C-alpha atoms as a PDB file:
ATOM      1  CA  MET A   1     -20.385  16.677  17.361  1.00  0.00           C
ATOM      2  CA  PRO A   2     -21.790  15.716  14.330  1.00  0.00           C
ATOM      3  CA  THR A   3     -22.107  19.384  13.360  1.00  0.00           C
ATOM      4  CA  LEU A   4     -18.143  20.613  14.526  1.00  0.00           C
ATOM      5  CA  LYS A   5     -17.760  18.124  11.851  1.00  0.00           C
ATOM      6  CA  ARG A   6     -19.726  18.902   9.210  1.00  0.00           C
ATOM      7  CA  VAL A   7     -18.152  22.946  10.151  1.00  0.00           C
ATOM      8  CA  ALA A   8     -14.332  21.310   9.726  1.00  0.00           C
ATOM      9  CA  VAL A   9     -15.087  19.104   6.797  1.00  0.00           C
ATOM     10  CA  VAL A  10     -16.768  22.937   4.995  1.00  0.00           C
ATOM     11  CA  VAL A  11     -13.635  24.905   6.838  1.00  0.00           C
ATOM     12  CA  ILE A  12     -10.811  22.414   4.833  1.00  0.00           C
ATOM     13  CA  ALA A  13     -12.707  22.180   1.798  1.00  0.00           C
ATOM     14  CA  ALA A  14     -12.196  25.215   1.231  1.00  0.00           C
ATOM     15  CA  ILE A  15      -9.015  25.799   1.466  1.00  0.00           C
ATOM     16  CA  MET A  16      -7.956  22.609  -0.885  1.00  0.00           C
ATOM     17  CA  VAL A  17      -9.874  24.170  -2.873  1.00  0.00           C
ATOM     18  CA  ALA A  18      -8.628  27.775  -2.509  1.00  0.00           C
ATOM     19  CA  GLY A  19      -4.766  26.129  -3.208  1.00  0.00           C
ATOM     20  CA  LEU A  20      -6.367  24.209  -5.914  1.00  0.00           C
ATOM     21  CA  CYS A  21      -7.489  28.050  -6.949  1.00  0.00           C
ATOM     22  CA  SER A  22      -4.632  29.399  -6.782  1.00  0.00           C
ATOM     23  CA  MET A  23      -2.474  27.243  -8.152  1.00  0.00           C
ATOM     24  CA  ALA A  24      -4.674  27.961 -11.699  1.00  0.00           C
ATOM     25  CA  PHE A  25      -4.303  31.166 -11.065  1.00  0.00           C
ATOM     26  CA  ALA A  26      -0.606  31.579 -10.741  1.00  0.00           C
ATOM     27  CA  GLU A  27       0.114  29.669 -14.019  1.00  0.00           C
ATOM     28  CA  ALA A  28      -3.061  31.783 -15.888  1.00  0.00           C
ATOM     29  CA  PRO A  29      -2.899  34.964 -17.959  1.00  0.00           C
ATOM     30  CA  VAL A  30      -4.626  37.607 -14.817  1.00  0.00           C
ATOM     31  CA  LYS A  31      -7.881  39.513 -16.101  1.00  0.00           C
ATOM     32  CA  GLU A  32      -9.433  42.094 -15.300  1.00  0.00           C
ATOM     33  CA  VAL A  33     -11.084  41.185 -12.017  1.00  0.00           C
ATOM     34  CA  VAL A  34     -12.464  44.377 -10.372  1.00  0.00           C
ATOM     35  CA  ALA A  35     -13.427  47.263 -12.171  1.00  0.00           C
ATOM     36  CA  LYS A  36     -11.012  50.416 -12.087  1.00  0.00           C
ATOM     37  CA  ALA A  37     -14.279  52.216 -10.801  1.00  0.00           C
ATOM     38  CA  SER A  38     -14.261  51.003  -7.545  1.00  0.00           C
ATOM     39  CA  THR A  39     -13.580  53.015  -4.637  1.00  0.00           C
ATOM     40  CA  VAL A  40     -14.842  50.140  -2.835  1.00  0.00           C
ATOM     41  CA  PRO A  41     -12.438  49.055  -0.302  1.00  0.00           C
ATOM     42  CA  TRP A  42     -11.716  45.281  -0.713  1.00  0.00           C
ATOM     43  CA  TRP A  43     -12.720  42.886   2.114  1.00  0.00           C
ATOM     44  CA  VAL A  44     -16.423  44.383   1.396  1.00  0.00           C
ATOM     45  CA  TRP A  45     -16.696  42.203  -1.656  1.00  0.00           C
ATOM     46  CA  PRO A  46     -16.256  38.750  -0.181  1.00  0.00           C
ATOM     47  CA  LEU A  47     -17.926  39.478   3.340  1.00  0.00           C
ATOM     48  CA  SER A  48     -20.707  39.999   0.510  1.00  0.00           C
ATOM     49  CA  LEU A  49     -20.129  37.442  -1.203  1.00  0.00           C
ATOM     50  CA  PHE A  50     -20.402  34.814   2.235  1.00  0.00           C
ATOM     51  CA  VAL A  51     -23.779  36.932   3.618  1.00  0.00           C
ATOM     52  CA  LEU A  52     -25.633  36.050   0.153  1.00  0.00           C
ATOM     53  CA  THR A  53     -24.576  32.275  -0.655  1.00  0.00           C
ATOM     54  CA  PHE A  54     -25.582  31.490   2.426  1.00  0.00           C
ATOM     55  CA  LEU A  55     -28.252  32.837   1.991  1.00  0.00           C
ATOM     56  CA  LEU A  56     -28.086  30.931  -1.524  1.00  0.00           C
ATOM     57  CA  GLY A  57     -27.635  27.848  -0.813  1.00  0.00           C
ATOM     58  CA  VAL A  58     -30.657  27.623   1.557  1.00  0.00           C
ATOM     59  CA  VAL A  59     -33.233  28.361  -1.323  1.00  0.00           C
ATOM     60  CA  ALA A  60     -31.047  26.642  -3.641  1.00  0.00           C
ATOM     61  CA  VAL A  61     -31.969  22.952  -1.694  1.00  0.00           C
ATOM     62  CA  LEU A  62     -35.192  23.619  -1.102  1.00  0.00           C
ATOM     63  CA  GLY A  63     -36.149  24.629  -5.109  1.00  0.00           C
ATOM     64  CA  GLY A  64     -33.738  22.041  -6.221  1.00  0.00           C
ATOM     65  CA  LEU A  65     -31.493  23.816  -8.405  1.00  0.00           C
ATOM     66  CA  GLY A  66     -28.106  24.575  -7.977  1.00  0.00           C
ATOM     67  CA  GLY A  67     -26.555  27.421  -6.406  1.00  0.00           C
ATOM     68  CA  GLY A  68     -24.597  28.983  -9.650  1.00  0.00           C
ATOM     69  CA  THR A  69     -28.609  29.341 -11.726  1.00  0.00           C
ATOM     70  CA  LEU A  70     -28.882  31.827  -8.797  1.00  0.00           C
ATOM     71  CA  PHE A  71     -25.314  33.172  -7.880  1.00  0.00           C
ATOM     72  CA  VAL A  72     -24.257  33.499 -11.661  1.00  0.00           C
ATOM     73  CA  PRO A  73     -26.948  35.838 -12.904  1.00  0.00           C
ATOM     74  CA  ILE A  74     -26.702  38.116  -9.410  1.00  0.00           C
ATOM     75  CA  VAL A  75     -23.254  38.271  -8.963  1.00  0.00           C
ATOM     76  CA  GLY A  76     -22.612  38.749 -12.410  1.00  0.00           C
ATOM     77  CA  GLY A  77     -25.423  41.220 -13.141  1.00  0.00           C
ATOM     78  CA  PHE A  78     -25.283  43.077  -9.385  1.00  0.00           C
ATOM     79  CA  PHE A  79     -21.251  42.463  -8.407  1.00  0.00           C
ATOM     80  CA  PRO A  80     -17.753  43.987  -9.882  1.00  0.00           C
ATOM     81  CA  PHE A  81     -16.431  40.844 -11.524  1.00  0.00           C
ATOM     82  CA  HIS A  82     -15.419  39.881 -15.078  1.00  0.00           C
ATOM     83  CA  LEU A  83     -18.354  37.111 -16.183  1.00  0.00           C
ATOM     84  CA  ASP A  84     -15.196  34.057 -16.646  1.00  0.00           C
ATOM     85  CA  PHE A  85     -14.706  34.569 -13.478  1.00  0.00           C
ATOM     86  CA  VAL A  86     -17.769  34.646 -12.135  1.00  0.00           C
ATOM     87  CA  ARG A  87     -19.440  31.379 -13.910  1.00  0.00           C
ATOM     88  CA  GLY A  88     -15.568  29.554 -12.663  1.00  0.00           C
ATOM     89  CA  ALA A  89     -16.538  29.864  -8.973  1.00  0.00           C
ATOM     90  CA  GLY A  90     -20.598  29.805 -10.052  1.00  0.00           C
ATOM     91  CA  LEU A  91     -19.826  25.445 -10.592  1.00  0.00           C
ATOM     92  CA  LEU A  92     -17.709  25.649  -8.044  1.00  0.00           C
ATOM     93  CA  VAL A  93     -20.459  26.814  -5.708  1.00  0.00           C
ATOM     94  CA  ALA A  94     -22.826  24.843  -7.380  1.00  0.00           C
ATOM     95  CA  LEU A  95     -20.786  21.976  -6.842  1.00  0.00           C
ATOM     96  CA  ALA A  96     -20.372  22.437  -3.301  1.00  0.00           C
ATOM     97  CA  GLY A  97     -23.645  22.834  -2.507  1.00  0.00           C
ATOM     98  CA  ALA A  98     -23.646  19.690  -3.805  1.00  0.00           C
ATOM     99  CA  LEU A  99     -21.195  17.873  -1.702  1.00  0.00           C
ATOM    100  CA  ALA A 100     -22.443  19.312   1.680  1.00  0.00           C
ATOM    101  CA  ALA A 101     -26.363  18.365   1.328  1.00  0.00           C
ATOM    102  CA  GLY A 102     -25.730  14.802  -1.064  1.00  0.00           C
ATOM    103  CA  PRO A 103     -25.046  12.946   1.976  1.00  0.00           C
ATOM    104  CA  GLY A 104     -28.421  14.354   4.126  1.00  0.00           C
ATOM    105  CA  LEU A 105     -29.963  13.376   1.113  1.00  0.00           C
ATOM    106  CA  LEU A 106     -28.822   9.578   1.202  1.00  0.00           C
ATOM    107  CA  LYS A 107     -28.840   9.575   4.391  1.00  0.00           C
ATOM    108  CA  LYS A 108     -32.530   9.819   4.690  1.00  0.00           C
ATOM    109  CA  GLY A 109     -33.917   8.024   1.298  1.00  0.00           C
ATOM    110  CA  MET A 110     -34.259  11.089  -0.415  1.00  0.00           C
ATOM    111  CA  ALA A 111     -31.512  11.114  -2.820  1.00  0.00           C
ATOM    112  CA  ASN A 112     -31.808   7.796  -5.018  1.00  0.00           C
ATOM    113  CA  LEU A 113     -27.839   6.791  -6.896  1.00  0.00           C
ATOM    114  CA  ARG A 114     -29.739   4.352  -9.517  1.00  0.00           C
ATOM    115  CA  LEU A 115     -31.089   7.483 -10.660  1.00  0.00           C
ATOM    116  CA  ALA A 116     -28.445   9.974 -10.459  1.00  0.00           C
ATOM    117  CA  LEU A 117     -25.489   8.263 -12.426  1.00  0.00           C
ATOM    118  CA  PRO A 118     -26.625   7.219 -15.981  1.00  0.00           C
ATOM    119  CA  VAL A 119     -27.582  10.747 -16.621  1.00  0.00           C
ATOM    120  CA  GLY A 120     -24.880  12.247 -14.790  1.00  0.00           C
ATOM    121  CA  LEU A 121     -22.334   9.958 -16.734  1.00  0.00           C
ATOM    122  CA  LEU A 122     -24.245  11.510 -20.041  1.00  0.00           C
ATOM    123  CA  ALA A 123     -24.671  15.349 -18.631  1.00  0.00           C
ATOM    124  CA  SER A 124     -21.274  15.060 -17.156  1.00  0.00           C
ATOM    125  CA  SER A 125     -19.674  13.737 -20.105  1.00  0.00           C
ATOM    126  CA  CYS A 126     -20.959  17.073 -21.907  1.00  0.00           C
ATOM    127  CA  ALA A 127     -20.940  20.273 -19.541  1.00  0.00           C
ATOM    128  CA  ILE A 128     -17.114  20.177 -20.361  1.00  0.00           C
ATOM    129  CA  VAL A 129     -18.164  20.668 -24.097  1.00  0.00           C
ATOM    130  CA  GLY A 130     -20.134  23.970 -22.872  1.00  0.00           C
ATOM    131  CA  ALA A 131     -17.260  24.964 -20.685  1.00  0.00           C
ATOM    132  CA  MET A 132     -14.970  24.862 -23.438  1.00  0.00           C
ATOM    133  CA  ILE A 133     -17.749  26.649 -25.856  1.00  0.00           C
ATOM    134  CA  GLY A 134     -18.623  29.588 -22.693  1.00  0.00           C
ATOM    135  CA  LEU A 135     -14.666  30.096 -22.566  1.00  0.00           C
ATOM    136  CA  ALA A 136     -14.252  30.997 -25.707  1.00  0.00           C
ATOM    137  CA  LEU A 137     -17.206  33.126 -26.269  1.00  0.00           C
ATOM    138  CA  PRO A 138     -16.778  37.358 -25.548  1.00  0.00           C
ATOM    139  CA  THR A 139     -17.987  37.607 -22.365  1.00  0.00           C
ATOM    140  CA  ASN A 140     -21.136  40.381 -24.268  1.00  0.00           C
ATOM    141  CA  ILE A 141     -22.372  37.701 -26.079  1.00  0.00           C
ATOM    142  CA  LEU A 142     -22.234  35.361 -23.155  1.00  0.00           C
ATOM    143  CA  GLN A 143     -24.355  37.985 -20.689  1.00  0.00           C
ATOM    144  CA  ILE A 144     -27.087  38.097 -23.433  1.00  0.00           C
ATOM    145  CA  ALA A 145     -27.027  34.021 -23.906  1.00  0.00           C
ATOM    146  CA  LEU A 146     -26.995  34.090 -20.017  1.00  0.00           C
ATOM    147  CA  GLY A 147     -30.136  36.675 -19.293  1.00  0.00           C
ATOM    148  CA  ALA A 148     -32.232  35.287 -22.047  1.00  0.00           C
ATOM    149  CA  THR A 149     -31.405  31.523 -20.698  1.00  0.00           C
ATOM    150  CA  ILE A 150     -32.032  33.020 -17.242  1.00  0.00           C
ATOM    151  CA  LEU A 151     -35.400  34.269 -18.552  1.00  0.00           C
ATOM    152  CA  GLY A 152     -36.434  31.308 -20.225  1.00  0.00           C
ATOM    153  CA  ILE A 153     -35.794  29.339 -17.172  1.00  0.00           C
ATOM    154  CA  VAL A 154     -38.637  31.435 -15.602  1.00  0.00           C
ATOM    155  CA  GLY A 155     -41.353  30.489 -17.374  1.00  0.00           C
ATOM    156  CA  ILE A 156     -40.211  27.196 -17.689  1.00  0.00           C
ATOM    157  CA  VAL A 157     -40.159  27.729 -12.921  1.00  0.00           C
ATOM    158  CA  ILE A 158     -43.711  29.545 -13.631  1.00  0.00           C
ATOM    159  CA  LYS A 159     -45.525  27.225 -16.005  1.00  0.00           C
ATOM    160  CA  THR A 160     -44.328  23.834 -15.022  1.00  0.00           C
ATOM    161  CA  LYS A 161     -46.543  22.129 -12.687  1.00  0.00           C
ATOM    162  CA  LYS A 162     -45.105  19.391 -10.765  1.00  0.00           C
ATOM    163  CA  SER A 163     -46.283  17.006  -9.539  1.00  0.00           C
ATOM    164  CA  GLU A 164     -45.995  15.428  -5.555  1.00  0.00           C
ATOM    165  CA  TYR A 165     -46.560  11.871  -6.312  1.00  0.00           C
ATOM    166  CA  PRO A 166     -46.627  12.087 -10.350  1.00  0.00           C
ATOM    167  CA  GLU A 167     -48.522   8.515 -11.596  1.00  0.00           C
ATOM    168  CA  VAL A 168     -46.725   6.115 -13.988  1.00  0.00           C
ATOM    169  CA  PRO A 169     -48.384   2.950 -15.186  1.00  0.00           C
ATOM    170  CA  LYS A 170     -46.071   1.623 -15.798  1.00  0.00           C
ATOM    171  CA  ALA A 171     -41.867   1.050 -15.374  1.00  0.00           C
ATOM    172  CA  ASP A 172     -40.362   1.152 -19.508  1.00  0.00           C
ATOM    173  CA  ALA A 173     -37.938  -1.250 -20.618  1.00  0.00           C
ATOM    174  CA  LEU A 174     -34.900   0.327 -19.956  1.00  0.00           C
ATOM    175  CA  SER A 175     -35.136   1.682 -16.373  1.00  0.00           C
ATOM    176  CA  THR A 176     -36.362  -2.161 -15.271  1.00  0.00           C
ATOM    177  CA  ALA A 177     -32.658  -2.941 -16.997  1.00  0.00           C
ATOM    178  CA  LEU A 178     -30.955  -0.576 -14.696  1.00  0.00           C
ATOM    179  CA  ARG A 179     -33.519  -1.035 -11.551  1.00  0.00           C
ATOM    180  CA  ILE A 180     -34.120   2.734 -11.259  1.00  0.00           C
ATOM    181  CA  ASN A 181     -37.255   3.218  -8.701  1.00  0.00           C
ATOM    182  CA  GLY A 182     -37.104   2.811  -5.003  1.00  0.00           C
ATOM    183  CA  VAL A 183     -39.137   3.673  -1.018  1.00  0.00           C
ATOM    184  CA  TYR A 184     -38.681   6.923   0.849  1.00  0.00           C
ATOM    185  CA  HIS A 185     -39.658   7.681   4.023  1.00  0.00           C
ATOM    186  CA  GLU A 186     -42.110  10.791   3.307  1.00  0.00           C
ATOM    187  CA  VAL A 187     -42.358  12.710   6.938  1.00  0.00           C
ATOM    188  CA  THR A 188     -45.577  14.892   6.546  1.00  0.00           C
ATOM    189  CA  THR A 189     -47.827  12.097   6.363  1.00  0.00           C
ATOM    190  CA  GLY A 190     -45.380   8.773   7.292  1.00  0.00           C
ATOM    191  CA  GLU A 191     -45.610   6.971   4.626  1.00  0.00           C
ATOM    192  CA  ASP A 192     -44.024   4.884   2.379  1.00  0.00           C
ATOM    193  CA  ILE A 193     -44.262   6.164  -1.205  1.00  0.00           C
ATOM    194  CA  ASN A 194     -43.413   3.652  -3.415  1.00  0.00           C
ATOM    195  CA  TRP A 195     -41.902   4.295  -7.080  1.00  0.00           C
ATOM    196  CA  LYS A 196     -40.239   4.028  -9.881  1.00  0.00           C
ATOM    197  CA  ILE A 197     -40.152   5.609 -13.288  1.00  0.00           C
ATOM    198  CA  HIS A 198     -41.297   6.060 -17.211  1.00  0.00           C
ATOM    199  CA  ARG A 199     -39.497   7.701 -20.371  1.00  0.00           C
ATOM    200  CA  THR A 200     -36.277   7.097 -19.729  1.00  0.00           C
ATOM    201  CA  PRO A 201     -34.631   7.698 -23.489  1.00  0.00           C
ATOM    202  CA  LEU A 202     -35.903  10.796 -23.556  1.00  0.00           C
ATOM    203  CA  GLY A 203     -34.849  11.581 -20.169  1.00  0.00           C
ATOM    204  CA  LEU A 204     -31.305  11.174 -20.732  1.00  0.00           C
ATOM    205  CA  GLY A 205     -30.777  12.867 -24.529  1.00  0.00           C
ATOM    206  CA  LEU A 206     -32.601  15.875 -22.889  1.00  0.00           C
ATOM    207  CA  PHE A 207     -29.980  15.394 -20.231  1.00  0.00           C
ATOM    208  CA  VAL A 208     -27.076  16.015 -23.018  1.00  0.00           C
ATOM    209  CA  ILE A 209     -28.854  19.685 -24.141  1.00  0.00           C
ATOM    210  CA  ILE A 210     -28.365  20.150 -19.901  1.00  0.00           C
ATOM    211  CA  GLY A 211     -24.606  18.955 -19.471  1.00  0.00           C
ATOM    212  CA  ILE A 212     -23.627  21.419 -22.430  1.00  0.00           C
ATOM    213  CA  MET A 213     -26.357  24.900 -21.124  1.00  0.00           C
ATOM    214  CA  ALA A 214     -24.533  23.727 -17.887  1.00  0.00           C
ATOM    215  CA  GLY A 215     -20.822  24.346 -18.465  1.00  0.00           C
ATOM    216  CA  MET A 216     -21.423  26.751 -21.084  1.00  0.00           C
ATOM    217  CA  PHE A 217     -23.204  28.661 -18.416  1.00  0.00           C
ATOM    218  CA  GLY A 218     -21.357  27.693 -14.866  1.00  0.00           C
ATOM    219  CA  ILE A 219     -24.967  27.943 -13.876  1.00  0.00           C
ATOM    220  CA  GLY A 220     -25.486  23.581 -12.685  1.00  0.00           C
ATOM    221  CA  ALA A 221     -28.462  22.742 -13.472  1.00  0.00           C
ATOM    222  CA  GLY A 222     -31.133  21.963 -11.236  1.00  0.00           C
ATOM    223  CA  TRP A 223     -33.231  24.110 -12.991  1.00  0.00           C
ATOM    224  CA  ALA A 224     -33.605  21.396 -15.493  1.00  0.00           C
ATOM    225  CA  ASN A 225     -32.318  18.953 -13.748  1.00  0.00           C
ATOM    226  CA  VAL A 226     -35.960  18.490 -11.498  1.00  0.00           C
ATOM    227  CA  PRO A 227     -38.417  19.428 -13.943  1.00  0.00           C
ATOM    228  CA  VAL A 228     -37.165  16.806 -16.353  1.00  0.00           C
ATOM    229  CA  LEU A 229     -36.735  14.061 -13.547  1.00  0.00           C
ATOM    230  CA  ASN A 230     -40.359  15.082 -11.951  1.00  0.00           C
ATOM    231  CA  ILE A 231     -42.665  15.926 -14.451  1.00  0.00           C
ATOM    232  CA  LEU A 232     -40.701  13.995 -18.012  1.00  0.00           C
ATOM    233  CA  MET A 233     -39.588  10.339 -16.541  1.00  0.00           C
ATOM    234  CA  GLY A 234     -42.036  10.613 -13.369  1.00  0.00           C
ATOM    235  CA  ALA A 235     -40.024  10.536 -10.143  1.00  0.00           C
ATOM    236  CA  PRO A 236     -41.631  12.020  -7.213  1.00  0.00           C
ATOM    237  CA  LEU A 237     -40.856  15.355  -6.874  1.00  0.00           C
ATOM    238  CA  LYS A 238     -38.670  15.808  -2.974  1.00  0.00           C
ATOM    239  CA  VAL A 239     -36.895  12.049  -4.304  1.00  0.00           C
ATOM    240  CA  ALA A 240     -36.292  14.346  -8.182  1.00  0.00           C
ATOM    241  CA  VAL A 241     -35.561  17.316  -6.411  1.00  0.00           C
ATOM    242  CA  SER A 242     -33.279  15.774  -4.122  1.00  0.00           C
ATOM    243  CA  SER A 243     -31.493  13.691  -6.740  1.00  0.00           C
ATOM    244  CA  SER A 244     -30.766  16.756  -8.865  1.00  0.00           C
ATOM    245  CA  LYS A 245     -28.768  18.451  -5.746  1.00  0.00           C
ATOM    246  CA  PHE A 246     -26.829  14.843  -5.805  1.00  0.00           C
ATOM    247  CA  LEU A 247     -26.445  14.401  -9.653  1.00  0.00           C
ATOM    248  CA  LEU A 248     -25.173  18.074  -9.621  1.00  0.00           C
ATOM    249  CA  SER A 249     -22.499  17.156  -8.108  1.00  0.00           C
ATOM    250  CA  ILE A 250     -21.253  14.567 -10.821  1.00  0.00           C
ATOM    251  CA  THR A 251     -21.969  17.562 -13.267  1.00  0.00           C
ATOM    252  CA  ASP A 252     -20.547  20.523 -11.662  1.00  0.00           C
ATOM    253  CA  THR A 253     -16.912  18.704 -11.135  1.00  0.00           C
ATOM    254  CA  SER A 254     -16.168  18.673 -15.335  1.00  0.00           C
ATOM    255  CA  ALA A 255     -17.329  21.051 -16.077  1.00  0.00           C
ATOM    256  CA  ALA A 256     -14.817  23.353 -13.082  1.00  0.00           C
ATOM    257  CA  TRP A 257     -11.848  22.083 -14.243  1.00  0.00           C
ATOM    258  CA  ILE A 258     -11.951  23.243 -17.078  1.00  0.00           C
ATOM    259  CA  TYR A 259     -12.124  26.476 -14.947  1.00  0.00           C
ATOM    260  CA  ILE A 260      -9.628  26.909 -13.141  1.00  0.00           C
ATOM    261  CA  ASN A 261      -7.096  25.200 -15.588  1.00  0.00           C
ATOM    262  CA  ASN A 262      -8.072  27.867 -17.363  1.00  0.00           C
ATOM    263  CA  GLY A 263      -6.906  30.102 -14.481  1.00  0.00           C
ATOM    264  CA  ALA A 264     -10.934  31.325 -14.526  1.00  0.00           C
ATOM    265  CA  VAL A 265     -11.799  30.402 -10.979  1.00  0.00           C
ATOM    266  CA  ILE A 266     -10.349  33.220  -8.119  1.00  0.00           C
ATOM    267  CA  PRO A 267     -10.195  32.063  -4.520  1.00  0.00           C
ATOM    268  CA  MET A 268     -10.707  35.471  -3.025  1.00  0.00           C
ATOM    269  CA  MET A 269     -14.647  34.733  -4.914  1.00  0.00           C
ATOM    270  CA  VAL A 270     -14.840  31.361  -4.241  1.00  0.00           C
ATOM    271  CA  VAL A 271     -13.585  30.532  -0.935  1.00  0.00           C
ATOM    272  CA  PRO A 272     -16.135  32.505   0.964  1.00  0.00           C
ATOM    273  CA  SER A 273     -18.674  31.409  -1.558  1.00  0.00           C
ATOM    274  CA  ILE A 274     -18.202  27.788  -1.064  1.00  0.00           C
ATOM    275  CA  ILE A 275     -18.131  28.457   2.667  1.00  0.00           C
ATOM    276  CA  GLY A 276     -21.779  30.584   3.043  1.00  0.00           C
ATOM    277  CA  VAL A 277     -23.275  27.929  -0.022  1.00  0.00           C
ATOM    278  CA  MET A 278     -22.094  24.736   1.841  1.00  0.00           C
ATOM    279  CA  LEU A 279     -22.932  26.229   5.123  1.00  0.00           C
ATOM    280  CA  GLY A 280     -26.416  27.333   3.873  1.00  0.00           C
ATOM    281  CA  SER A 281     -26.838  23.604   2.650  1.00  0.00           C
ATOM    282  CA  LEU A 282     -27.281  22.234   5.568  1.00  0.00           C
ATOM    283  CA  VAL A 283     -29.207  24.475   6.550  1.00  0.00           C
ATOM    284  CA  GLY A 284     -31.404  23.573   3.963  1.00  0.00           C
ATOM    285  CA  VAL A 285     -30.787  20.241   4.477  1.00  0.00           C
ATOM    286  CA  ARG A 286     -32.987  20.298   7.654  1.00  0.00           C
ATOM    287  CA  ILE A 287     -35.312  22.435   5.924  1.00  0.00           C
ATOM    288  CA  LEU A 288     -36.332  20.497   3.195  1.00  0.00           C
ATOM    289  CA  ALA A 289     -37.285  16.871   5.645  1.00  0.00           C
ATOM    290  CA  LYS A 290     -40.114  19.906   6.889  1.00  0.00           C
ATOM    291  CA  THR A 291     -41.828  21.658   4.355  1.00  0.00           C
ATOM    292  CA  LYS A 292     -42.831  21.869   0.511  1.00  0.00           C
ATOM    293  CA  PRO A 293     -40.046  23.085  -2.510  1.00  0.00           C
ATOM    294  CA  ALA A 294     -42.500  25.134  -3.806  1.00  0.00           C
ATOM    295  CA  ALA A 295     -42.739  26.984  -0.649  1.00  0.00           C
ATOM    296  CA  VAL A 296     -39.764  28.869  -1.983  1.00  0.00           C
ATOM    297  CA  ARG A 297     -40.990  28.920  -5.566  1.00  0.00           C
ATOM    298  CA  TYR A 298     -42.655  32.905  -5.943  1.00  0.00           C
ATOM    299  CA  ILE A 299     -38.936  34.478  -4.146  1.00  0.00           C
ATOM    300  CA  VAL A 300     -36.822  31.483  -6.739  1.00  0.00           C
ATOM    301  CA  ILE A 301     -38.869  33.868  -9.416  1.00  0.00           C
ATOM    302  CA  ILE A 302     -38.542  36.958  -8.797  1.00  0.00           C
ATOM    303  CA  MET A 303     -34.901  36.728  -7.954  1.00  0.00           C
ATOM    304  CA  LEU A 304     -34.300  34.533 -10.992  1.00  0.00           C
ATOM    305  CA  SER A 305     -36.107  37.404 -12.771  1.00  0.00           C
ATOM    306  CA  PHE A 306     -34.344  40.195 -12.012  1.00  0.00           C
ATOM    307  CA  ALA A 307     -31.153  38.901 -12.483  1.00  0.00           C
ATOM    308  CA  GLY A 308     -31.847  37.410 -15.463  1.00  0.00           C
ATOM    309  CA  ALA A 309     -33.348  41.488 -17.400  1.00  0.00           C
ATOM    310  CA  ARG A 310     -30.051  42.918 -15.476  1.00  0.00           C
ATOM    311  CA  SER A 311     -27.899  40.318 -17.391  1.00  0.00           C
ATOM    312  CA  LEU A 312     -29.291  40.801 -20.599  1.00  0.00           C
ATOM    313  CA  LEU A 313     -29.812  44.074 -21.046  1.00  0.00           C
ATOM    314  CA  LYS A 314     -25.905  44.021 -19.754  1.00  0.00           C
ATOM    315  CA  GLY A 315     -25.174  41.703 -22.594  1.00  0.00           C
ATOM    316  CA  LEU A 316     -27.402  44.781 -24.689  1.00  0.00           C
ATOM    317  CA  GLY A 317     -24.567  47.045 -23.020  1.00  0.00           C
ATOM    318  CA  ILE A 318     -27.804  49.231 -22.225  1.00  0.00           C
ATOM    319  CA  TRP A 319     -27.937  48.691 -18.796  1.00  0.00           C
ATOM    320  CA  ASN A 320     -24.153  48.806 -17.445  1.00  0.00           C
END
């Protein structure tokens, strides 16, 4: 029964988003969505998006990435949709995945509200600014910037050596005042892990930049959340991954409304993508408790490298 209830919630959420998207799209100027030269039947694209986003939902939870981080460069580079619509859908995809995974992660004690809420407040405010900037820039400039950003993310993923349990000698004054600490049960070892964080002011400052980039490119912010929470601030890896996933539900909501209000969201793209990523995220949460997030590291690196190169070359007019 719990599984049936979750599926029902997924379907209802998709229908609600479809309604919102339909209203926004009806009132906004219509842009070209699919390339005129495309002879592929229309139903192929929603079906392809559903299959793709289901897989991305699983990988995103395991890697602590927002679904949009993988969705935007892959769909923007290899599907015939305008980048504005892809970025709008990407934010909703990341948001849907976070909403699907969040309750399970909170129930298991891996996501921490005291850790996610302060950084989420800053990131969500800045994501609004980023979304407005992104919609004002030319498409080719965005493609180039997106490609360069994705390749930069690959470099961060490769060079960053995540720590399962970072050593934090002493919690700083700000994290102590906000009572950002906790205990979670590590299933693989059977131990209860006590944790705390440090360097909180610097971490909050970085989340300002992360929020702007998340809104501008529609890629969520999981790619940056995890290294900052884990390496810089000292949260255990699973706490960082889980809190990052929950944090996306706060950050992406703000930026998503900017895209909806500007008509940059289409039901044909959003509905199958949301259903796919939410179902994939539910599967990913079950897998996360029993495996190490590093297990999907190489898959994420390969996918992002290829998609980032494609986006960069497309923006430069070399590979259209």
